[in-house]
PDB file of N, CA and C in Angstrom:
ATOM      1  N   LEU A   1      54.103  51.245-224.025  1.00  0.00           N
ATOM      2  CA  LEU A   1      53.491  51.858-225.127  1.00  0.00           C
ATOM      3  C   LEU A   1      51.893  50.879-224.605  1.00  0.00           C
ATOM      4  N   ALA A   2      51.907  49.348-224.592  1.00  0.00           N
ATOM      5  CA  ALA A   2      51.382  48.621-224.067  1.00  0.00           C
ATOM      6  C   ALA A   2      50.004  49.245-222.557  1.00  0.00           C
ATOM      7  N   GLU A   3      51.060  49.716-222.118  1.00  0.00           N
ATOM      8  CA  GLU A   3      50.442  50.184-220.400  1.00  0.00           C
ATOM      9  C   GLU A   3      49.703  51.257-221.007  1.00  0.00           C
ATOM     10  N   ASN A   4      50.430  52.743-221.081  1.00  0.00           N
ATOM     11  CA  ASN A   4      49.786  53.940-221.811  1.00  0.00           C
ATOM     12  C   ASN A   4      48.345  53.303-221.883  1.00  0.00           C
ATOM     13  N   GLY A   5      48.535  52.960-223.157  1.00  0.00           N
ATOM     14  CA  GLY A   5      46.903  52.381-224.407  1.00  0.00           C
ATOM     15  C   GLY A   5      47.494  52.746-225.723  1.00  0.00           C
ATOM     16  N   ALA A   6      48.527  53.071-225.949  1.00  0.00           N
ATOM     17  CA  ALA A   6      49.346  53.080-227.676  1.00  0.00           C
ATOM     18  C   ALA A   6      49.276  52.053-228.234  1.00  0.00           C
ATOM     19  N   ILE A   7      49.431  50.910-227.599  1.00  0.00           N
ATOM     20  CA  ILE A   7      49.199  50.074-228.154  1.00  0.00           C
ATOM     21  C   ILE A   7      47.798  48.691-227.222  1.00  0.00           C
ATOM     22  N   LEU A   8      46.761  48.780-228.203  1.00  0.00           N
ATOM     23  CA  LEU A   8      45.886  49.179-228.215  1.00  0.00           C
ATOM     24  C   LEU A   8      45.876  46.665-227.940  1.00  0.00           C
ATOM     25  N   GLY A   9      46.439  46.023-228.751  1.00  0.00           N
ATOM     26  CA  GLY A   9      46.178  44.202-228.547  1.00  0.00           C
ATOM     27  C   GLY A   9      47.499  43.876-229.646  1.00  0.00           C
ATOM     28  N   PHE A  10      47.897  43.062-229.970  1.00  0.00           N
ATOM     29  CA  PHE A  10      48.495  42.249-230.445  1.00  0.00           C
ATOM     30  C   PHE A  10      47.933  41.750-231.338  1.00  0.00           C
ATOM     31  N   HIS A  11      48.353  41.053-233.078  1.00  0.00           N
ATOM     32  CA  HIS A  11      46.970  40.525-233.891  1.00  0.00           C
ATOM     33  C   HIS A  11      47.911  39.000-234.925  1.00  0.00           C
ATOM     34  N   ALA A  12      47.052  37.829-234.718  1.00  0.00           N
ATOM     35  CA  ALA A  12      48.337  37.013-235.905  1.00  0.00           C
ATOM     36  C   ALA A  12      47.478  37.501-237.529  1.00  0.00           C
ATOM     37  N   VAL A  13      48.926  37.418-238.773  1.00  0.00           N
ATOM     38  CA  VAL A  13      48.065  37.659-240.150  1.00  0.00           C
ATOM     39  C   VAL A  13      47.658  35.805-240.301  1.00  0.00           C
ATOM     40  N   VAL A  14      46.549  35.531-240.525  1.00  0.00           N
ATOM     41  CA  VAL A  14      46.221  34.237-240.704  1.00  0.00           C
ATOM     42  C   VAL A  14      46.281  34.700-242.507  1.00  0.00           C
ATOM     43  N   ASN A  15      46.109  33.022-242.645  1.00  0.00           N
ATOM     44  CA  ASN A  15      45.779  33.254-244.477  1.00  0.00           C
ATOM     45  C   ASN A  15      44.248  32.488-244.332  1.00  0.00           C
ATOM     46  N   PRO A  16      43.131  33.206-245.301  1.00  0.00           N
ATOM     47  CA  PRO A  16      42.318  32.764-244.733  1.00  0.00           C
ATOM     48  C   PRO A  16      41.991  31.239-245.982  1.00  0.00           C
ATOM     49  N   ALA A  17      42.363  30.954-246.860  1.00  0.00           N
ATOM     50  CA  ALA A  17      42.227  30.091-247.518  1.00  0.00           C
ATOM     51  C   ALA A  17      42.764  28.011-246.512  1.00  0.00           C
ATOM     52  N   MET A  18      44.235  28.763-246.064  1.00  0.00           N
ATOM     53  CA  MET A  18      44.639  27.640-245.056  1.00  0.00           C
ATOM     54  C   MET A  18      43.863  26.867-244.074  1.00  0.00           C
ATOM     55  N   LEU A  19      42.792  28.155-243.443  1.00  0.00           N
ATOM     56  CA  LEU A  19      41.117  27.719-242.950  1.00  0.00           C
ATOM     57  C   LEU A  19      40.299  27.049-243.546  1.00  0.00           C
ATOM     58  N   GLY A  20      40.237  27.170-244.550  1.00  0.00           N
ATOM     59  CA  GLY A  20      39.155  26.749-245.757  1.00  0.00           C
ATOM     60  C   GLY A  20      38.330  27.658-246.244  1.00  0.00           C
ATOM     61  N   TYR A  21      38.668  29.281-246.193  1.00  0.00           N
ATOM     62  CA  TYR A  21      37.704  30.182-246.825  1.00  0.00           C
ATOM     63  C   TYR A  21      38.622  30.317-248.238  1.00  0.00           C
ATOM     64  N   GLY A  22      38.168  30.471-249.251  1.00  0.00           N
ATOM     65  CA  GLY A  22      38.181  30.729-250.622  1.00  0.00           C
ATOM     66  C   GLY A  22      38.108  32.352-251.238  1.00  0.00           C
ATOM     67  N   ILE A  23      36.904  32.899-250.231  1.00  0.00           N
ATOM     68  CA  ILE A  23      36.656  33.984-250.630  1.00  0.00           C
ATOM     69  C   ILE A  23      35.867  35.623-249.608  1.00  0.00           C
ATOM     70  N   GLU A  24      37.077  36.775-250.308  1.00  0.00           N
ATOM     71  CA  GLU A  24      37.060  37.259-248.913  1.00  0.00           C
ATOM     72  C   GLU A  24      36.655  38.762-249.808  1.00  0.00           C
ATOM     73  N   ALA A  25      35.153  39.104-248.965  1.00  0.00           N
ATOM     74  CA  ALA A  25      33.965  40.451-249.398  1.00  0.00           C
ATOM     75  C   ALA A  25      33.888  41.612-248.093  1.00  0.00           C
ATOM     76  N   MET A  26      33.918  42.699-249.095  1.00  0.00           N
ATOM     77  CA  MET A  26      32.702  43.135-248.398  1.00  0.00           C
ATOM     78  C   MET A  26      31.427  44.053-248.470  1.00  0.00           C
ATOM     79  N   ILE A  27      30.849  43.934-246.997  1.00  0.00           N
ATOM     80  CA  ILE A  27      30.062  44.177-246.908  1.00  0.00           C
ATOM     81  C   ILE A  27      29.321  45.357-246.557  1.00  0.00           C
ATOM     82  N   ALA A  28      28.864  45.702-247.580  1.00  0.00           N
ATOM     83  CA  ALA A  28      28.569  47.291-246.844  1.00  0.00           C
ATOM     84  C   ALA A  28      27.024  47.393-246.488  1.00  0.00           C
ATOM     85  N   VAL A  29      26.244  48.139-245.589  1.00  0.00           N
ATOM     86  CA  VAL A  29      25.498  47.774-243.995  1.00  0.00           C
ATOM     87  C   VAL A  29      25.069  49.479-244.366  1.00  0.00           C
ATOM     88  N   ARG A  30      23.917  49.467-245.004  1.00  0.00           N
ATOM     89  CA  ARG A  30      22.880  50.973-244.695  1.00  0.00           C
ATOM     90  C   ARG A  30      21.715  50.838-243.258  1.00  0.00           C
ATOM     91  N   LEU A  31      21.648  51.033-241.790  1.00  0.00           N
ATOM     92  CA  LEU A  31      20.908  51.594-241.199  1.00  0.00           C
ATOM     93  C   LEU A  31      19.360  52.234-242.017  1.00  0.00           C
ATOM     94  N   PRO A  32      18.261  51.591-241.844  1.00  0.00           N
ATOM     95  CA  PRO A  32      16.664  51.935-242.211  1.00  0.00           C
ATOM     96  C   PRO A  32      16.531  53.097-241.246  1.00  0.00           C
ATOM     97  N   GLU A  33      17.538  53.250-239.852  1.00  0.00           N
ATOM     98  CA  GLU A  33      16.757  54.104-239.182  1.00  0.00           C
ATOM     99  C   GLU A  33      17.221  55.032-238.662  1.00  0.00           C
ATOM    100  N   HIS A  34      18.571  56.163-239.365  1.00  0.00           N
ATOM    101  CA  HIS A  34      19.744  56.668-237.445  1.00  0.00           C
ATOM    102  C   HIS A  34      18.976  56.400-236.316  1.00  0.00           C
ATOM    103  N   SER A  35      19.455  55.338-236.150  1.00  0.00           N
ATOM    104  CA  SER A  35      19.366  55.483-233.917  1.00  0.00           C
ATOM    105  C   SER A  35      19.899  55.367-233.567  1.00  0.00           C
ATOM    106  N   ARG A  36      20.452  55.456-231.950  1.00  0.00           N
ATOM    107  CA  ARG A  36      21.378  55.112-230.988  1.00  0.00           C
ATOM    108  C   ARG A  36      21.461  53.800-231.072  1.00  0.00           C
ATOM    109  N   GLN A  37      20.105  53.142-230.772  1.00  0.00           N
ATOM    110  CA  GLN A  37      19.003  51.914-230.533  1.00  0.00           C
ATOM    111  C   GLN A  37      20.105  50.691-231.861  1.00  0.00           C
ATOM    112  N   ASN A  38      19.814  50.985-233.958  1.00  0.00           N
ATOM    113  CA  ASN A  38      19.913  50.476-234.758  1.00  0.00           C
ATOM    114  C   ASN A  38      21.712  50.499-233.976  1.00  0.00           C
ATOM    115  N   PHE A  39      22.103  51.616-234.621  1.00  0.00           N
ATOM    116  CA  PHE A  39      23.517  52.232-234.360  1.00  0.00           C
ATOM    117  C   PHE A  39      24.443  51.631-233.544  1.00  0.00           C
ATOM    118  N   ASP A  40      24.149  50.188-231.912  1.00  0.00           N
ATOM    119  CA  ASP A  40      24.141  49.955-231.324  1.00  0.00           C
ATOM    120  C   ASP A  40      24.296  48.039-230.947  1.00  0.00           C
ATOM    121  N   ALA A  41      22.573  47.562-231.238  1.00  0.00           N
ATOM    122  CA  ALA A  41      22.436  46.777-231.797  1.00  0.00           C
ATOM    123  C   ALA A  41      22.743  46.063-232.849  1.00  0.00           C
ATOM    124  N   PHE A  42      23.602  46.268-233.458  1.00  0.00           N
ATOM    125  CA  PHE A  42      24.034  46.356-235.326  1.00  0.00           C
ATOM    126  C   PHE A  42      25.553  46.211-234.667  1.00  0.00           C
ATOM    127  N   ARG A  43      26.232  46.948-234.348  1.00  0.00           N
ATOM    128  CA  ARG A  43      27.605  46.888-233.902  1.00  0.00           C
ATOM    129  C   ARG A  43      27.458  45.664-232.592  1.00  0.00           C
ATOM    130  N   GLU A  44      26.065  44.938-232.217  1.00  0.00           N
ATOM    131  CA  GLU A  44      27.324  44.203-230.352  1.00  0.00           C
ATOM    132  C   GLU A  44      26.733  43.145-231.677  1.00  0.00           C
ATOM    133  N   TYR A  45      26.231  42.757-232.646  1.00  0.00           N
ATOM    134  CA  TYR A  45      25.657  41.676-233.557  1.00  0.00           C
ATOM    135  C   TYR A  45      26.838  41.239-234.831  1.00  0.00           C
ATOM    136  N   VAL A  46      26.997  42.152-234.756  1.00  0.00           N
ATOM    137  CA  VAL A  46      28.036  42.040-236.268  1.00  0.00           C
ATOM    138  C   VAL A  46      29.165  40.858-235.237  1.00  0.00           C
ATOM    139  N   ILE A  47      30.823  41.466-234.659  1.00  0.00           N
ATOM    140  CA  ILE A  47      30.799  41.491-234.367  1.00  0.00           C
ATOM    141  C   ILE A  47      31.644  40.216-233.371  1.00  0.00           C
ATOM    142  N   THR A  48      30.321  40.022-233.446  1.00  0.00           N
ATOM    143  CA  THR A  48      29.537  38.065-232.978  1.00  0.00           C
ATOM    144  C   THR A  48      29.705  37.064-234.039  1.00  0.00           C
ATOM    145  N   ILE A  49      29.709  37.584-235.816  1.00  0.00           N
ATOM    146  CA  ILE A  49      29.701  36.595-236.468  1.00  0.00           C
ATOM    147  C   ILE A  49      30.879  35.737-237.010  1.00  0.00           C
ATOM    148  N   PRO A  50      31.577  34.828-236.850  1.00  0.00           N
ATOM    149  CA  PRO A  50      32.409  34.143-236.735  1.00  0.00           C
ATOM    150  C   PRO A  50      33.458  34.800-238.781  1.00  0.00           C
ATOM    151  N   GLU A  51      32.587  34.835-239.450  1.00  0.00           N
ATOM    152  CA  GLU A  51      33.499  34.984-241.238  1.00  0.00           C
ATOM    153  C   GLU A  51      33.806  36.862-240.352  1.00  0.00           C
ATOM    154  N   VAL A  52      33.368  37.400-239.774  1.00  0.00           N
ATOM    155  CA  VAL A  52      33.235  38.812-239.374  1.00  0.00           C
ATOM    156  C   VAL A  52      35.397  38.868-239.957  1.00  0.00           C
ATOM    157  N   ILE A  53      36.278  39.144-240.480  1.00  0.00           N
ATOM    158  CA  ILE A  53      37.103  39.659-239.915  1.00  0.00           C
ATOM    159  C   ILE A  53      37.520  41.495-239.011  1.00  0.00           C
ATOM    160  N   ASP A  54      36.452  42.079-240.383  1.00  0.00           N
ATOM    161  CA  ASP A  54      37.475  43.790-239.515  1.00  0.00           C
ATOM    162  C   ASP A  54      35.514  44.212-239.837  1.00  0.00           C
ATOM    163  N   VAL A  55      34.982  45.596-239.064  1.00  0.00           N
ATOM    164  CA  VAL A  55      33.321  46.265-238.996  1.00  0.00           C
ATOM    165  C   VAL A  55      34.506  48.581-239.435  1.00  0.00           C
ATOM    166  N   TYR A  56      33.734  48.680-240.013  1.00  0.00           N
ATOM    167  CA  TYR A  56      34.131  50.408-239.877  1.00  0.00           C
ATOM    168  C   TYR A  56      32.663  50.447-239.690  1.00  0.00           C
ATOM    169  N   HIS A  57      32.962  51.852-238.987  1.00  0.00           N
ATOM    170  CA  HIS A  57      31.405  52.875-238.953  1.00  0.00           C
ATOM    171  C   HIS A  57      31.600  53.398-239.605  1.00  0.00           C
ATOM    172  N   VAL A  58      31.390  54.095-241.012  1.00  0.00           N
ATOM    173  CA  VAL A  58      31.404  55.526-241.304  1.00  0.00           C
ATOM    174  C   VAL A  58      31.145  55.837-242.192  1.00  0.00           C
ATOM    175  N   SER A  59      31.278  57.434-242.900  1.00  0.00           N
ATOM    176  CA  SER A  59      30.239  58.494-242.726  1.00  0.00           C
ATOM    177  C   SER A  59      29.712  58.093-244.595  1.00  0.00           C
ATOM    178  N   GLY A  60      28.774  59.343-245.118  1.00  0.00           N
ATOM    179  CA  GLY A  60      28.208  58.972-246.554  1.00  0.00           C
ATOM    180  C   GLY A  60      26.508  57.365-246.221  1.00  0.00           C
ATOM    181  N   GLU A  61      27.160  57.153-247.681  1.00  0.00           N
ATOM    182  CA  GLU A  61      25.086  56.602-247.484  1.00  0.00           C
ATOM    183  C   GLU A  61      25.412  55.353-246.817  1.00  0.00           C
ATOM    184  N   ILE A  62      27.104  54.812-247.147  1.00  0.00           N
ATOM    185  CA  ILE A  62      27.161  53.503-246.607  1.00  0.00           C
ATOM    186  C   ILE A  62      27.291  53.772-244.877  1.00  0.00           C
ATOM    187  N   ASP A  63      26.019  52.648-243.747  1.00  0.00           N
ATOM    188  CA  ASP A  63      26.968  52.760-242.350  1.00  0.00           C
ATOM    189  C   ASP A  63      28.206  52.545-241.724  1.00  0.00           C
ATOM    190  N   PHE A  64      28.112  50.373-242.329  1.00  0.00           N
ATOM    191  CA  PHE A  64      28.966  49.952-242.173  1.00  0.00           C
ATOM    192  C   PHE A  64      29.511  49.151-242.588  1.00  0.00           C
ATOM    193  N   LEU A  65      31.122  49.570-243.322  1.00  0.00           N
ATOM    194  CA  LEU A  65      31.934  48.078-244.317  1.00  0.00           C
ATOM    195  C   LEU A  65      31.674  47.132-243.065  1.00  0.00           C
ATOM    196  N   VAL A  66      31.839  45.624-243.762  1.00  0.00           N
ATOM    197  CA  VAL A  66      32.193  44.571-242.997  1.00  0.00           C
ATOM    198  C   VAL A  66      32.497  43.659-243.739  1.00  0.00           C
ATOM    199  N   HIS A  67      34.146  43.618-243.386  1.00  0.00           N
ATOM    200  CA  HIS A  67      35.221  42.640-243.866  1.00  0.00           C
ATOM    201  C   HIS A  67      34.339  40.841-244.094  1.00  0.00           C
ATOM    202  N   VAL A  68      34.648  40.276-244.717  1.00  0.00           N
ATOM    203  CA  VAL A  68      33.592  38.711-244.417  1.00  0.00           C
ATOM    204  C   VAL A  68      35.624  37.684-245.114  1.00  0.00           C
ATOM    205  N   VAL A  69      34.895  37.060-244.686  1.00  0.00           N
ATOM    206  CA  VAL A  69      35.186  35.659-245.844  1.00  0.00           C
ATOM    207  C   VAL A  69      34.462  34.656-245.185  1.00  0.00           C
ATOM    208  N   ALA A  70      34.223  33.927-246.828  1.00  0.00           N
ATOM    209  CA  ALA A  70      33.282  33.018-246.197  1.00  0.00           C
ATOM    210  C   ALA A  70      33.850  31.236-247.612  1.00  0.00           C
ATOM    211  N   ARG A  71      33.725  30.116-247.112  1.00  0.00           N
ATOM    212  CA  ARG A  71      34.455  29.584-248.357  1.00  0.00           C
ATOM    213  C   ARG A  71      34.384  29.440-249.449  1.00  0.00           C
ATOM    214  N   ASP A  72      32.416  29.896-250.333  1.00  0.00           N
ATOM    215  CA  ASP A  72      32.247  30.005-251.539  1.00  0.00           C
ATOM    216  C   ASP A  72      30.889  30.623-251.428  1.00  0.00           C
ATOM    217  N   ALA A  73      30.627  30.368-252.604  1.00  0.00           N
ATOM    218  CA  ALA A  73      29.958  31.559-253.231  1.00  0.00           C
ATOM    219  C   ALA A  73      28.389  31.401-252.241  1.00  0.00           C
ATOM    220  N   GLN A  74      28.324  29.615-252.143  1.00  0.00           N
ATOM    221  CA  GLN A  74      26.872  29.868-251.652  1.00  0.00           C
ATOM    222  C   GLN A  74      26.984  30.338-250.031  1.00  0.00           C
ATOM    223  N   HIS A  75      28.276  30.035-249.292  1.00  0.00           N
ATOM    224  CA  HIS A  75      28.459  30.341-247.942  1.00  0.00           C
ATOM    225  C   HIS A  75      28.680  31.341-247.692  1.00  0.00           C
ATOM    226  N   LEU A  76      28.083  32.313-249.095  1.00  0.00           N
ATOM    227  CA  LEU A  76      28.738  34.511-248.986  1.00  0.00           C
ATOM    228  C   LEU A  76      26.782  34.264-248.919  1.00  0.00           C
ATOM    229  N   ARG A  77      26.567  34.032-249.550  1.00  0.00           N
ATOM    230  CA  ARG A  77      24.628  33.952-250.218  1.00  0.00           C
ATOM    231  C   ARG A  77      24.404  34.456-249.052  1.00  0.00           C
ATOM    232  N   ASP A  78      24.215  32.730-248.312  1.00  0.00           N
ATOM    233  CA  ASP A  78      23.687  32.714-247.286  1.00  0.00           C
ATOM    234  C   ASP A  78      23.741  33.158-245.795  1.00  0.00           C
ATOM    235  N   LEU A  79      25.276  34.587-245.833  1.00  0.00           N
ATOM    236  CA  LEU A  79      26.188  35.103-244.764  1.00  0.00           C
ATOM    237  C   LEU A  79      24.968  36.194-245.131  1.00  0.00           C
ATOM    238  N   ALA A  80      25.158  36.947-246.071  1.00  0.00           N
ATOM    239  CA  ALA A  80      24.689  37.754-246.370  1.00  0.00           C
ATOM    240  C   ALA A  80      22.636  37.986-245.812  1.00  0.00           C
ATOM    241  N   LEU A  81      22.030  36.960-246.881  1.00  0.00           N
ATOM    242  CA  LEU A  81      21.176  37.073-246.606  1.00  0.00           C
ATOM    243  C   LEU A  81      21.124  36.124-244.413  1.00  0.00           C
ATOM    244  N   ASP A  82      21.204  35.229-243.779  1.00  0.00           N
ATOM    245  CA  ASP A  82      21.080  34.853-242.922  1.00  0.00           C
ATOM    246  C   ASP A  82      21.110  35.666-242.161  1.00  0.00           C
ATOM    247  N   GLN A  83      22.807  36.303-241.837  1.00  0.00           N
ATOM    248  CA  GLN A  83      23.675  37.434-240.813  1.00  0.00           C
ATOM    249  C   GLN A  83      23.214  38.673-240.648  1.00  0.00           C
ATOM    250  N   PHE A  84      22.923  39.406-241.835  1.00  0.00           N
ATOM    251  CA  PHE A  84      23.167  40.152-242.188  1.00  0.00           C
ATOM    252  C   PHE A  84      21.745  40.960-242.432  1.00  0.00           C
ATOM    253  N   LEU A  85      20.768  40.510-243.126  1.00  0.00           N
ATOM    254  CA  LEU A  85      19.721  41.059-244.397  1.00  0.00           C
ATOM    255  C   LEU A  85      18.327  41.075-242.982  1.00  0.00           C
ATOM    256  N   SER A  86      18.736  39.900-242.566  1.00  0.00           N
ATOM    257  CA  SER A  86      17.587  38.858-240.877  1.00  0.00           C
ATOM    258  C   SER A  86      18.079  40.071-240.227  1.00  0.00           C
ATOM    259  N   ARG A  87      18.685  40.564-239.912  1.00  0.00           N
ATOM    260  CA  ARG A  87      18.252  41.480-238.883  1.00  0.00           C
ATOM    261  C   ARG A  87      18.021  42.578-238.641  1.00  0.00           C
ATOM    262  N   PRO A  88      16.641  43.384-237.762  1.00  0.00           N
ATOM    263  CA  PRO A  88      15.771  44.100-238.763  1.00  0.00           C
ATOM    264  C   PRO A  88      16.683  45.760-238.547  1.00  0.00           C
ATOM    265  N   GLU A  89      17.537  45.700-237.638  1.00  0.00           N
ATOM    266  CA  GLU A  89      18.335  46.684-237.732  1.00  0.00           C
ATOM    267  C   GLU A  89      19.566  47.432-239.304  1.00  0.00           C
ATOM    268  N   VAL A  90      19.404  45.876-240.367  1.00  0.00           N
ATOM    269  CA  VAL A  90      19.603  46.467-241.696  1.00  0.00           C
ATOM    270  C   VAL A  90      18.859  46.689-242.245  1.00  0.00           C
ATOM    271  N   GLY A  91      19.113  47.865-242.766  1.00  0.00           N
ATOM    272  CA  GLY A  91      17.865  48.789-244.571  1.00  0.00           C
ATOM    273  C   GLY A  91      18.572  47.895-246.047  1.00  0.00           C
ATOM    274  N   HIS A  92      19.301  47.517-245.229  1.00  0.00           N
ATOM    275  CA  HIS A  92      19.833  47.048-247.471  1.00  0.00           C
ATOM    276  C   HIS A  92      21.716  47.233-247.253  1.00  0.00           C
ATOM    277  N   ILE A  93      21.939  46.010-248.104  1.00  0.00           N
ATOM    278  CA  ILE A  93      23.596  45.994-248.360  1.00  0.00           C
ATOM    279  C   ILE A  93      23.721  45.280-249.620  1.00  0.00           C
ATOM    280  N   GLU A  94      25.130  45.435-249.433  1.00  0.00           N
ATOM    281  CA  GLU A  94      25.627  45.544-250.985  1.00  0.00           C
ATOM    282  C   GLU A  94      27.302  44.932-250.337  1.00  0.00           C
ATOM    283  N   THR A  95      27.644  43.807-251.441  1.00  0.00           N
ATOM    284  CA  THR A  95      28.636  42.784-251.045  1.00  0.00           C
ATOM    285  C   THR A  95      28.797  43.141-252.663  1.00  0.00           C
ATOM    286  N   ASP A  96      30.611  43.316-251.833  1.00  0.00           N
ATOM    287  CA  ASP A  96      32.150  43.557-253.070  1.00  0.00           C
ATOM    288  C   ASP A  96      32.646  42.128-252.720  1.00  0.00           C
ATOM    289  N   LEU A  97      32.817  41.052-253.473  1.00  0.00           N
ATOM    290  CA  LEU A  97      34.319  40.511-253.633  1.00  0.00           C
ATOM    291  C   LEU A  97      35.595  41.463-253.513  1.00  0.00           C
ATOM    292  N   ILE A  98      36.351  40.359-252.678  1.00  0.00           N
ATOM    293  CA  ILE A  98      37.726  41.195-252.612  1.00  0.00           C
ATOM    294  C   ILE A  98      38.811  40.453-253.170  1.00  0.00           C
ATOM    295  N   PHE A  99      39.449  40.667-254.739  1.00  0.00           N
ATOM    296  CA  PHE A  99      40.326  40.382-255.748  1.00  0.00           C
ATOM    297  C   PHE A  99      41.758  39.939-254.560  1.00  0.00           C
ATOM    298  N   ASP A 100      42.109  40.574-253.560  1.00  0.00           N
ATOM    299  CA  ASP A 100      43.813  40.907-253.852  1.00  0.00           C
ATOM    300  C   ASP A 100      43.345  41.388-251.887  1.00  0.00           C
ATOM    301  N   HIS A 101      44.309  41.182-251.053  1.00  0.00           N
ATOM    302  CA  HIS A 101      43.970  42.073-249.884  1.00  0.00           C
ATOM    303  C   HIS A 101      45.716  41.762-249.355  1.00  0.00           C
ATOM    304  N   LEU A 102      45.449  43.275-249.479  1.00  0.00           N
ATOM    305  CA  LEU A 102      47.210  43.397-249.329  1.00  0.00           C
ATOM    306  C   LEU A 102      47.350  44.181-248.092  1.00  0.00           C
ATOM    307  N   ARG A 103      48.467  43.719-247.086  1.00  0.00           N
ATOM    308  CA  ARG A 103      49.407  44.579-246.223  1.00  0.00           C
ATOM    309  C   ARG A 103      50.076  44.703-246.422  1.00  0.00           C
ATOM    310  N   PRO A 104      50.265  46.388-245.210  1.00  0.00           N
ATOM    311  CA  PRO A 104      52.268  46.852-245.893  1.00  0.00           C
ATOM    312  C   PRO A 104      53.076  45.942-244.940  1.00  0.00           C
ATOM    313  N   PRO A 105      54.230  45.590-244.994  1.00  0.00           N
ATOM    314  CA  PRO A 105      55.689  44.359-243.249  1.00  0.00           C
ATOM    315  C   PRO A 105      55.105  45.240-242.786  1.00  0.00           C
ATOM    316  N   ALA A 106      55.391  44.384-241.645  1.00  0.00           N
ATOM    317  CA  ALA A 106      54.838  45.338-240.285  1.00  0.00           C
ATOM    318  C   ALA A 106      56.443  46.119-239.878  1.00  0.00           C
ATOM    319  N   HIS A 107      56.423  47.194-239.039  1.00  0.00           N
ATOM    320  CA  HIS A 107      57.277  48.261-238.572  1.00  0.00           C
ATOM    321  C   HIS A 107      58.829  47.485-237.540  1.00  0.00           C
ATOM    322  N   ALA A 108      59.608  48.240-237.921  1.00  0.00           N
ATOM    323  CA  ALA A 108      60.405  47.564-237.020  1.00  0.00           C
ATOM    324  C   ALA A 108      60.324  48.118-235.287  1.00  0.00           C
TER     325      ALA A 108
END
């Protein structure tokens, strides 16, 4: 399956708290202008942020949903201000705390 592209990779399921991250959040990002340049610039940039777990390009009012981890509320605030709102291709963000993050068990 890996050879034909059906399996894209493998990953470990990590407990963020064991790495010092006490908060998980979803940051909804709206671009100020829908252009290929803004889309590509944000997409290339966001995956370089160490606190980013997953990035989803979605339809509707929001352009991206970004799953992040942070040590605490101050770290999350700094992450939002310094890593997201400072970017010229970001027009607006909304941050929602994640109270619980569940994954179904791996299938055998």
